[in-house]
C-alpha atoms as a PDB file:
ATOM      1  CA  UNK A   1     -90.698-124.381 -27.639  1.00  0.00           C
ATOM      2  CA  UNK A   2     -87.918-124.296 -25.883  1.00  0.00           C
ATOM      3  CA  UNK A   3     -84.699-125.220 -27.865  1.00  0.00           C
ATOM      4  CA  UNK A   4     -82.058-127.295 -26.809  1.00  0.00           C
ATOM      5  CA  UNK A   5     -78.677-125.480 -27.222  1.00  0.00           C
ATOM      6  CA  UNK A   6     -75.055-124.726 -25.790  1.00  0.00           C
ATOM      7  CA  UNK A   7     -74.445-128.015 -24.092  1.00  0.00           C
ATOM      8  CA  UNK A   8     -77.866-128.662 -22.106  1.00  0.00           C
ATOM      9  CA  UNK A   9     -80.764-131.256 -22.438  1.00  0.00           C
ATOM     10  CA  UNK A  10     -83.974-129.931 -21.542  1.00  0.00           C
ATOM     11  CA  UNK A  11     -87.097-132.159 -20.310  1.00  0.00           C
ATOM     12  CA  UNK A  12     -90.603-130.404 -20.169  1.00  0.00           C
ATOM     13  CA  UNK A  13     -93.461-132.233 -18.369  1.00  0.00           C
ATOM     14  CA  UNK A  14     -95.633-132.449 -15.681  1.00  0.00           C
ATOM     15  CA  UNK A  15     -95.296-128.771 -14.970  1.00  0.00           C
ATOM     16  CA  UNK A  16     -91.807-128.975 -14.268  1.00  0.00           C
ATOM     17  CA  UNK A  17     -88.120-128.181 -16.511  1.00  0.00           C
ATOM     18  CA  UNK A  18     -85.496-130.280 -15.812  1.00  0.00           C
ATOM     19  CA  UNK A  19     -82.070-128.946 -17.271  1.00  0.00           C
ATOM     20  CA  UNK A  20     -79.312-130.638 -17.965  1.00  0.00           C
ATOM     21  CA  UNK A  21     -75.647-129.880 -18.062  1.00  0.00           C
ATOM     22  CA  UNK A  22     -74.663-132.177 -20.916  1.00  0.00           C
ATOM     23  CA  UNK A  23     -71.038-131.846 -21.786  1.00  0.00           C
ATOM     24  CA  UNK A  24     -69.750-134.431 -19.445  1.00  0.00           C
ATOM     25  CA  UNK A  25     -66.446-134.641 -21.709  1.00  0.00           C
ATOM     26  CA  UNK A  26     -65.383-131.065 -19.910  1.00  0.00           C
ATOM     27  CA  UNK A  27     -67.308-131.864 -16.683  1.00  0.00           C
ATOM     28  CA  UNK A  28     -70.024-129.770 -17.550  1.00  0.00           C
ATOM     29  CA  UNK A  29     -68.116-126.639 -17.588  1.00  0.00           C
ATOM     30  CA  UNK A  30     -70.448-123.351 -17.662  1.00  0.00           C
ATOM     31  CA  UNK A  31     -69.031-122.406 -21.277  1.00  0.00           C
ATOM     32  CA  UNK A  32     -70.228-119.001 -22.485  1.00  0.00           C
ATOM     33  CA  UNK A  33     -72.406-120.340 -25.298  1.00  0.00           C
ATOM     34  CA  UNK A  34     -74.120-122.461 -21.826  1.00  0.00           C
ATOM     35  CA  UNK A  35     -74.382-119.241 -20.101  1.00  0.00           C
ATOM     36  CA  UNK A  36     -76.309-117.783 -23.403  1.00  0.00           C
ATOM     37  CA  UNK A  37     -78.401-120.482 -23.710  1.00  0.00           C
ATOM     38  CA  UNK A  38     -79.006-120.925 -20.085  1.00  0.00           C
ATOM     39  CA  UNK A  39     -80.181-117.186 -19.931  1.00  0.00           C
ATOM     40  CA  UNK A  40     -82.190-117.111 -22.972  1.00  0.00           C
ATOM     41  CA  UNK A  41     -84.021-120.343 -21.801  1.00  0.00           C
ATOM     42  CA  UNK A  42     -84.634-118.973 -18.510  1.00  0.00           C
ATOM     43  CA  UNK A  43     -85.703-115.797 -19.150  1.00  0.00           C
ATOM     44  CA  UNK A  44     -88.337-117.540 -22.140  1.00  0.00           C
ATOM     45  CA  UNK A  45     -89.799-119.438 -18.700  1.00  0.00           C
ATOM     46  CA  UNK A  46     -89.391-117.065 -15.933  1.00  0.00           C
ATOM     47  CA  UNK A  47     -92.996-115.831 -16.358  1.00  0.00           C
ATOM     48  CA  UNK A  48     -94.717-119.248 -17.582  1.00  0.00           C
ATOM     49  CA  UNK A  49     -96.845-119.958 -14.184  1.00  0.00           C
ATOM     50  CA  UNK A  50     -96.907-123.451 -15.803  1.00  0.00           C
ATOM     51  CA  UNK A  51     -93.849-124.358 -15.341  1.00  0.00           C
ATOM     52  CA  UNK A  52     -93.816-125.009 -11.271  1.00  0.00           C
ATOM     53  CA  UNK A  53     -90.421-125.763 -10.628  1.00  0.00           C
ATOM     54  CA  UNK A  54     -87.256-126.414 -12.406  1.00  0.00           C
ATOM     55  CA  UNK A  55     -84.537-128.878 -11.694  1.00  0.00           C
ATOM     56  CA  UNK A  56     -80.991-128.470 -12.839  1.00  0.00           C
ATOM     57  CA  UNK A  57     -78.801-131.323 -12.898  1.00  0.00           C
ATOM     58  CA  UNK A  58     -75.603-132.787 -14.825  1.00  0.00           C
ATOM     59  CA  UNK A  59     -75.198-135.559 -17.117  1.00  0.00           C
ATOM     60  CA  UNK A  60     -72.203-138.229 -16.945  1.00  0.00           C
ATOM     61  CA  UNK A  61     -71.941-138.083 -13.161  1.00  0.00           C
ATOM     62  CA  UNK A  62     -70.754-134.442 -12.825  1.00  0.00           C
ATOM     63  CA  UNK A  63     -72.874-131.618 -11.738  1.00  0.00           C
ATOM     64  CA  UNK A  64     -70.619-128.644 -13.302  1.00  0.00           C
ATOM     65  CA  UNK A  65     -66.409-127.942 -13.003  1.00  0.00           C
ATOM     66  CA  UNK A  66     -67.276-124.048 -13.605  1.00  0.00           C
ATOM     67  CA  UNK A  67     -66.044-121.555 -15.751  1.00  0.00           C
ATOM     68  CA  UNK A  68     -65.056-122.625 -18.869  1.00  0.00           C
ATOM     69  CA  UNK A  69     -61.014-121.628 -18.589  1.00  0.00           C
ATOM     70  CA  UNK A  70     -59.536-122.537 -22.005  1.00  0.00           C
ATOM     71  CA  UNK A  71     -62.729-119.888 -23.233  1.00  0.00           C
ATOM     72  CA  UNK A  72     -61.486-117.105 -20.803  1.00  0.00           C
ATOM     73  CA  UNK A  73     -57.286-117.875 -21.969  1.00  0.00           C
ATOM     74  CA  UNK A  74     -58.369-117.207 -25.988  1.00  0.00           C
ATOM     75  CA  UNK A  75     -59.406-113.606 -24.630  1.00  0.00           C
ATOM     76  CA  UNK A  76     -55.790-113.380 -25.092  1.00  0.00           C
ATOM     77  CA  UNK A  77     -56.181-113.152 -28.713  1.00  0.00           C
ATOM     78  CA  UNK A  78     -57.966-109.880 -28.573  1.00  0.00           C
ATOM     79  CA  UNK A  79     -56.767-105.984 -28.529  1.00  0.00           C
ATOM     80  CA  UNK A  80     -58.275-105.842 -25.165  1.00  0.00           C
ATOM     81  CA  UNK A  81     -58.722-108.950 -23.282  1.00  0.00           C
ATOM     82  CA  UNK A  82     -59.462-107.486 -20.262  1.00  0.00           C
ATOM     83  CA  UNK A  83     -62.943-105.723 -21.636  1.00  0.00           C
ATOM     84  CA  UNK A  84     -63.641-109.223 -22.925  1.00  0.00           C
ATOM     85  CA  UNK A  85     -63.092-110.886 -19.929  1.00  0.00           C
ATOM     86  CA  UNK A  86     -64.860-108.362 -18.000  1.00  0.00           C
ATOM     87  CA  UNK A  87     -67.424-108.594 -19.922  1.00  0.00           C
ATOM     88  CA  UNK A  88     -67.964-112.869 -20.101  1.00  0.00           C
ATOM     89  CA  UNK A  89     -67.860-112.277 -16.344  1.00  0.00           C
ATOM     90  CA  UNK A  90     -70.778-109.859 -16.103  1.00  0.00           C
ATOM     91  CA  UNK A  91     -72.748-112.262 -18.214  1.00  0.00           C
ATOM     92  CA  UNK A  92     -72.043-115.249 -15.549  1.00  0.00           C
ATOM     93  CA  UNK A  93     -73.305-112.739 -12.964  1.00  0.00           C
ATOM     94  CA  UNK A  94     -76.486-112.069 -14.419  1.00  0.00           C
ATOM     95  CA  UNK A  95     -76.962-115.444 -15.173  1.00  0.00           C
ATOM     96  CA  UNK A  96     -76.810-116.430 -11.353  1.00  0.00           C
ATOM     97  CA  UNK A  97     -78.663-113.336 -10.577  1.00  0.00           C
ATOM     98  CA  UNK A  98     -81.466-114.390 -13.040  1.00  0.00           C
ATOM     99  CA  UNK A  99     -81.565-118.005 -11.351  1.00  0.00           C
ATOM    100  CA  UNK A 100     -81.493-116.921  -7.675  1.00  0.00           C
ATOM    101  CA  UNK A 101     -84.984-114.620  -8.560  1.00  0.00           C
ATOM    102  CA  UNK A 102     -86.471-117.442 -10.408  1.00  0.00           C
ATOM    103  CA  UNK A 103     -89.981-117.067  -9.352  1.00  0.00           C
ATOM    104  CA  UNK A 104     -90.165-121.055  -9.649  1.00  0.00           C
ATOM    105  CA  UNK A 105     -88.525-123.347  -7.060  1.00  0.00           C
ATOM    106  CA  UNK A 106     -85.497-124.103  -8.116  1.00  0.00           C
ATOM    107  CA  UNK A 107     -83.431-127.979  -7.083  1.00  0.00           C
ATOM    108  CA  UNK A 108     -80.173-128.304  -7.482  1.00  0.00           C
ATOM    109  CA  UNK A 109     -79.210-131.932  -7.688  1.00  0.00           C
ATOM    110  CA  UNK A 110     -75.474-132.978  -7.413  1.00  0.00           C
ATOM    111  CA  UNK A 111     -74.004-135.876  -7.903  1.00  0.00           C
ATOM    112  CA  UNK A 112     -70.086-136.401  -8.528  1.00  0.00           C
ATOM    113  CA  UNK A 113     -68.634-133.062  -8.686  1.00  0.00           C
ATOM    114  CA  UNK A 114     -69.918-129.666  -8.134  1.00  0.00           C
ATOM    115  CA  UNK A 115     -66.798-127.028  -8.600  1.00  0.00           C
ATOM    116  CA  UNK A 116     -65.931-123.082  -8.553  1.00  0.00           C
ATOM    117  CA  UNK A 117     -68.757-121.443 -10.622  1.00  0.00           C
ATOM    118  CA  UNK A 118     -70.436-125.043 -10.428  1.00  0.00           C
ATOM    119  CA  UNK A 119     -70.745-124.696  -6.723  1.00  0.00           C
ATOM    120  CA  UNK A 120     -72.044-121.157  -6.597  1.00  0.00           C
ATOM    121  CA  UNK A 121     -74.627-122.062  -8.924  1.00  0.00           C
ATOM    122  CA  UNK A 122     -76.132-124.512  -6.189  1.00  0.00           C
ATOM    123  CA  UNK A 123     -76.261-121.348  -3.530  1.00  0.00           C
ATOM    124  CA  UNK A 124     -78.654-119.454  -6.064  1.00  0.00           C
ATOM    125  CA  UNK A 125     -81.302-122.378  -5.695  1.00  0.00           C
ATOM    126  CA  UNK A 126     -84.012-123.499  -3.331  1.00  0.00           C
ATOM    127  CA  UNK A 127     -82.995-126.680  -2.829  1.00  0.00           C
ATOM    128  CA  UNK A 128     -79.921-128.435  -2.970  1.00  0.00           C
ATOM    129  CA  UNK A 129     -80.249-132.406  -2.820  1.00  0.00           C
ATOM    130  CA  UNK A 130     -76.439-134.464  -3.325  1.00  0.00           C
ATOM    131  CA  UNK A 131     -74.880-137.754  -2.622  1.00  0.00           C
ATOM    132  CA  UNK A 132     -72.593-138.521  -0.409  1.00  0.00           C
ATOM    133  CA  UNK A 133     -69.418-139.173  -2.226  1.00  0.00           C
ATOM    134  CA  UNK A 134     -70.291-135.483  -4.426  1.00  0.00           C
ATOM    135  CA  UNK A 135     -66.911-133.633  -4.363  1.00  0.00           C
ATOM    136  CA  UNK A 136     -67.090-129.933  -3.732  1.00  0.00           C
ATOM    137  CA  UNK A 137     -64.470-127.333  -3.588  1.00  0.00           C
ATOM    138  CA  UNK A 138     -64.072-123.534  -4.664  1.00  0.00           C
ATOM    139  CA  UNK A 139     -60.661-123.761  -6.315  1.00  0.00           C
ATOM    140  CA  UNK A 140     -60.307-120.244  -7.652  1.00  0.00           C
ATOM    141  CA  UNK A 141     -57.783-119.124  -5.654  1.00  0.00           C
ATOM    142  CA  UNK A 142     -55.356-121.818  -6.492  1.00  0.00           C
ATOM    143  CA  UNK A 143     -55.344-120.497  -9.849  1.00  0.00           C
ATOM    144  CA  UNK A 144     -54.464-117.274  -8.647  1.00  0.00           C
ATOM    145  CA  UNK A 145     -58.020-115.517  -9.434  1.00  0.00           C
ATOM    146  CA  UNK A 146     -61.143-114.443  -6.984  1.00  0.00           C
ATOM    147  CA  UNK A 147     -64.541-116.226  -7.105  1.00  0.00           C
ATOM    148  CA  UNK A 148     -66.024-113.328  -8.146  1.00  0.00           C
ATOM    149  CA  UNK A 149     -69.793-113.377  -9.360  1.00  0.00           C
ATOM    150  CA  UNK A 150     -70.596-116.300  -7.388  1.00  0.00           C
ATOM    151  CA  UNK A 151     -69.305-114.905  -3.617  1.00  0.00           C
ATOM    152  CA  UNK A 152     -72.264-113.131  -2.998  1.00  0.00           C
ATOM    153  CA  UNK A 153     -74.204-115.873  -2.938  1.00  0.00           C
ATOM    154  CA  UNK A 154     -72.126-118.374  -1.636  1.00  0.00           C
ATOM    155  CA  UNK A 155     -72.037-115.769   1.727  1.00  0.00           C
ATOM    156  CA  UNK A 156     -75.623-115.660   1.662  1.00  0.00           C
ATOM    157  CA  UNK A 157     -75.973-118.972   1.682  1.00  0.00           C
ATOM    158  CA  UNK A 158     -73.379-119.980   4.067  1.00  0.00           C
ATOM    159  CA  UNK A 159     -72.248-116.977   6.099  1.00  0.00           C
ATOM    160  CA  UNK A 160     -69.073-114.769   5.554  1.00  0.00           C
ATOM    161  CA  UNK A 161     -67.281-116.391   8.594  1.00  0.00           C
ATOM    162  CA  UNK A 162     -67.665-120.100   6.053  1.00  0.00           C
ATOM    163  CA  UNK A 163     -67.188-118.567   2.683  1.00  0.00           C
ATOM    164  CA  UNK A 164     -63.820-116.659   4.018  1.00  0.00           C
ATOM    165  CA  UNK A 165     -62.779-120.362   4.936  1.00  0.00           C
ATOM    166  CA  UNK A 166     -63.734-122.146   1.957  1.00  0.00           C
ATOM    167  CA  UNK A 167     -62.945-119.368  -0.438  1.00  0.00           C
ATOM    168  CA  UNK A 168     -59.518-118.871   1.311  1.00  0.00           C
ATOM    169  CA  UNK A 169     -58.080-122.211   1.318  1.00  0.00           C
ATOM    170  CA  UNK A 170     -59.729-123.605  -1.749  1.00  0.00           C
ATOM    171  CA  UNK A 171     -60.933-126.259   1.105  1.00  0.00           C
ATOM    172  CA  UNK A 172     -62.372-129.689  -0.510  1.00  0.00           C
ATOM    173  CA  UNK A 173     -65.372-131.724   1.335  1.00  0.00           C
ATOM    174  CA  UNK A 174     -67.732-134.139   0.446  1.00  0.00           C
ATOM    175  CA  UNK A 175     -71.737-134.355   0.297  1.00  0.00           C
ATOM    176  CA  UNK A 176     -71.532-135.149   3.975  1.00  0.00           C
ATOM    177  CA  UNK A 177     -69.536-131.624   5.045  1.00  0.00           C
ATOM    178  CA  UNK A 178     -71.886-130.330   2.530  1.00  0.00           C
ATOM    179  CA  UNK A 179     -74.997-130.101   4.580  1.00  0.00           C
ATOM    180  CA  UNK A 180     -72.831-130.016   7.437  1.00  0.00           C
ATOM    181  CA  UNK A 181     -71.978-126.713   6.210  1.00  0.00           C
ATOM    182  CA  UNK A 182     -75.473-125.782   5.112  1.00  0.00           C
ATOM    183  CA  UNK A 183     -74.851-125.571   1.424  1.00  0.00           C
ATOM    184  CA  UNK A 184     -77.206-129.003   1.084  1.00  0.00           C
ATOM    185  CA  UNK A 185     -80.130-129.562   2.610  1.00  0.00           C
ATOM    186  CA  UNK A 186     -80.566-132.831   1.935  1.00  0.00           C
ATOM    187  CA  UNK A 187     -77.928-136.183   1.674  1.00  0.00           C
ATOM    188  CA  UNK A 188     -78.835-139.292   0.201  1.00  0.00           C
ATOM    189  CA  UNK A 189     -76.840-142.479  -0.784  1.00  0.00           C
ATOM    190  CA  UNK A 190     -76.743-142.552  -4.744  1.00  0.00           C
ATOM    191  CA  UNK A 191     -78.110-141.193  -8.091  1.00  0.00           C
ATOM    192  CA  UNK A 192     -81.086-143.310  -7.944  1.00  0.00           C
ATOM    193  CA  UNK A 193     -81.860-141.760  -4.422  1.00  0.00           C
ATOM    194  CA  UNK A 194     -81.463-138.178  -5.684  1.00  0.00           C
ATOM    195  CA  UNK A 195     -84.343-139.053  -8.637  1.00  0.00           C
ATOM    196  CA  UNK A 196     -86.441-140.203  -5.985  1.00  0.00           C
ATOM    197  CA  UNK A 197     -85.801-137.046  -3.488  1.00  0.00           C
ATOM    198  CA  UNK A 198     -86.758-134.808  -6.352  1.00  0.00           C
ATOM    199  CA  UNK A 199     -90.012-136.721  -7.057  1.00  0.00           C
ATOM    200  CA  UNK A 200     -91.179-135.818  -3.510  1.00  0.00           C
ATOM    201  CA  UNK A 201     -90.191-132.161  -3.717  1.00  0.00           C
ATOM    202  CA  UNK A 202     -92.124-131.906  -7.039  1.00  0.00           C
ATOM    203  CA  UNK A 203     -95.100-133.390  -5.458  1.00  0.00           C
ATOM    204  CA  UNK A 204     -95.153-131.099  -2.198  1.00  0.00           C
ATOM    205  CA  UNK A 205     -94.316-128.291  -4.872  1.00  0.00           C
ATOM    206  CA  UNK A 206     -97.128-128.673  -6.562  1.00  0.00           C
ATOM    207  CA  UNK A 207     -99.359-128.690  -3.977  1.00  0.00           C
ATOM    208  CA  UNK A 208     -99.131-124.722  -3.476  1.00  0.00           C
ATOM    209  CA  UNK A 209    -100.101-122.139  -5.504  1.00  0.00           C
ATOM    210  CA  UNK A 210     -97.886-121.194  -8.086  1.00  0.00           C
ATOM    211  CA  UNK A 211     -98.561-117.101  -7.921  1.00  0.00           C
ATOM    212  CA  UNK A 212     -98.185-117.559  -3.658  1.00  0.00           C
ATOM    213  CA  UNK A 213     -94.823-119.190  -4.270  1.00  0.00           C
ATOM    214  CA  UNK A 214     -94.081-116.786  -6.384  1.00  0.00           C
ATOM    215  CA  UNK A 215     -94.321-113.738  -3.989  1.00  0.00           C
ATOM    216  CA  UNK A 216     -93.022-116.058  -1.084  1.00  0.00           C
ATOM    217  CA  UNK A 217     -89.972-116.298  -2.950  1.00  0.00           C
ATOM    218  CA  UNK A 218     -90.251-112.344  -3.704  1.00  0.00           C
ATOM    219  CA  UNK A 219     -90.890-111.272   0.021  1.00  0.00           C
ATOM    220  CA  UNK A 220     -87.667-113.875   1.302  1.00  0.00           C
ATOM    221  CA  UNK A 221     -85.666-112.240  -1.177  1.00  0.00           C
ATOM    222  CA  UNK A 222     -86.341-108.930  -0.138  1.00  0.00           C
ATOM    223  CA  UNK A 223     -85.183-109.554   3.655  1.00  0.00           C
ATOM    224  CA  UNK A 224     -82.247-107.738   4.449  1.00  0.00           C
ATOM    225  CA  UNK A 225     -82.741-105.507   1.109  1.00  0.00           C
ATOM    226  CA  UNK A 226     -85.406-103.170   2.535  1.00  0.00           C
ATOM    227  CA  UNK A 227     -86.130-101.393   5.524  1.00  0.00           C
ATOM    228  CA  UNK A 228     -88.490-102.719   7.818  1.00  0.00           C
ATOM    229  CA  UNK A 229     -91.254-100.360   6.918  1.00  0.00           C
ATOM    230  CA  UNK A 230     -90.669-101.082   3.162  1.00  0.00           C
ATOM    231  CA  UNK A 231     -90.570-104.799   3.891  1.00  0.00           C
ATOM    232  CA  UNK A 232     -94.172-104.565   6.182  1.00  0.00           C
ATOM    233  CA  UNK A 233     -95.634-102.362   2.879  1.00  0.00           C
ATOM    234  CA  UNK A 234     -94.368-104.922   0.294  1.00  0.00           C
ATOM    235  CA  UNK A 235     -95.543-107.951   1.940  1.00  0.00           C
ATOM    236  CA  UNK A 236     -98.884-105.927   3.150  1.00  0.00           C
ATOM    237  CA  UNK A 237     -99.222-105.061  -0.904  1.00  0.00           C
ATOM    238  CA  UNK A 238     -98.459-109.112  -2.435  1.00  0.00           C
ATOM    239  CA  UNK A 239    -100.869-110.040   0.519  1.00  0.00           C
ATOM    240  CA  UNK A 240    -103.609-108.258  -0.481  1.00  0.00           C
ATOM    241  CA  UNK A 241    -102.856-108.708  -4.406  1.00  0.00           C
ATOM    242  CA  UNK A 242    -103.020-112.508  -3.645  1.00  0.00           C
ATOM    243  CA  UNK A 243    -105.739-113.213  -0.982  1.00  0.00           C
ATOM    244  CA  UNK A 244    -107.869-111.376  -3.850  1.00  0.00           C
ATOM    245  CA  UNK A 245    -105.980-113.010  -7.246  1.00  0.00           C
ATOM    246  CA  UNK A 246    -108.426-115.717  -8.675  1.00  0.00           C
ATOM    247  CA  UNK A 247    -105.610-118.300  -7.166  1.00  0.00           C
ATOM    248  CA  UNK A 248    -106.280-116.823  -3.677  1.00  0.00           C
ATOM    249  CA  UNK A 249    -110.306-116.659  -4.038  1.00  0.00           C
ATOM    250  CA  UNK A 250    -109.816-120.441  -5.122  1.00  0.00           C
ATOM    251  CA  UNK A 251    -107.278-121.776  -2.399  1.00  0.00           C
ATOM    252  CA  UNK A 252    -110.146-120.320   0.533  1.00  0.00           C
ATOM    253  CA  UNK A 253    -113.271-121.786  -1.446  1.00  0.00           C
ATOM    254  CA  UNK A 254    -111.006-125.356  -1.338  1.00  0.00           C
ATOM    255  CA  UNK A 255    -109.878-124.580   2.131  1.00  0.00           C
ATOM    256  CA  UNK A 256    -113.571-123.905   3.445  1.00  0.00           C
ATOM    257  CA  UNK A 257    -114.811-126.525   1.012  1.00  0.00           C
ATOM    258  CA  UNK A 258    -112.458-129.337   2.182  1.00  0.00           C
ATOM    259  CA  UNK A 259    -111.682-129.691  -1.314  1.00  0.00           C
ATOM    260  CA  UNK A 260    -108.122-129.642  -3.360  1.00  0.00           C
ATOM    261  CA  UNK A 261    -107.920-126.337  -5.168  1.00  0.00           C
ATOM    262  CA  UNK A 262    -107.599-126.683  -9.063  1.00  0.00           C
ATOM    263  CA  UNK A 263    -104.110-126.059  -9.291  1.00  0.00           C
ATOM    264  CA  UNK A 264    -102.809-129.082  -6.945  1.00  0.00           C
ATOM    265  CA  UNK A 265    -101.365-132.246  -8.578  1.00  0.00           C
END
């Protein structure tokens, strides 16, 4: 049983897990206990193929303002503050890597603000849907610090040219520009529309085999990480494994029998 903690609100129903950041008074900052709780939750569900998708959203009309800077400043009270900050930064980096590599489909729904690490978290998702008036910015450099752990994910999603521009100027932009930049996949008019679009995404995802989706994500994430021969071998191995699996056999049988496979919802 998943336990709510770290300022997170969890809803698990119909093969889908919704994770809501639930500390609107601090703009849903990614505090250390939030990072720890989220890492634990994702670790528990990572190998659970009954959970077909995961949605991240913020309560209180804001997605997330990023890291909890007050908590970082408290490190000055310790004998080796740099070591403590370094470890906390690694924890955040490991969380982003975990979200990025989840075998389930990950959907990010944005209203209000997605700043700094909150914006970085978006770049680890499979689908990003935002309202038009949502606000985005990588504000770290205005505070004299780098957008360190999120930089690789921003570069991969937006490309180096755009990443440089928005990181080195702390540019602020809305949902419409987020779509133009490639950060968002879709823009809607309101928070209610976010929920409608999410249901459409869920419906599409639940038509797909969960193992096939997980393997597809693995192959996609390996592009650029392996040489051509390694990638060919990986794709061939995963294709054979899936085709001879129970899910693959059911999918082919359903196609030939002109019926829905047993995983379709």
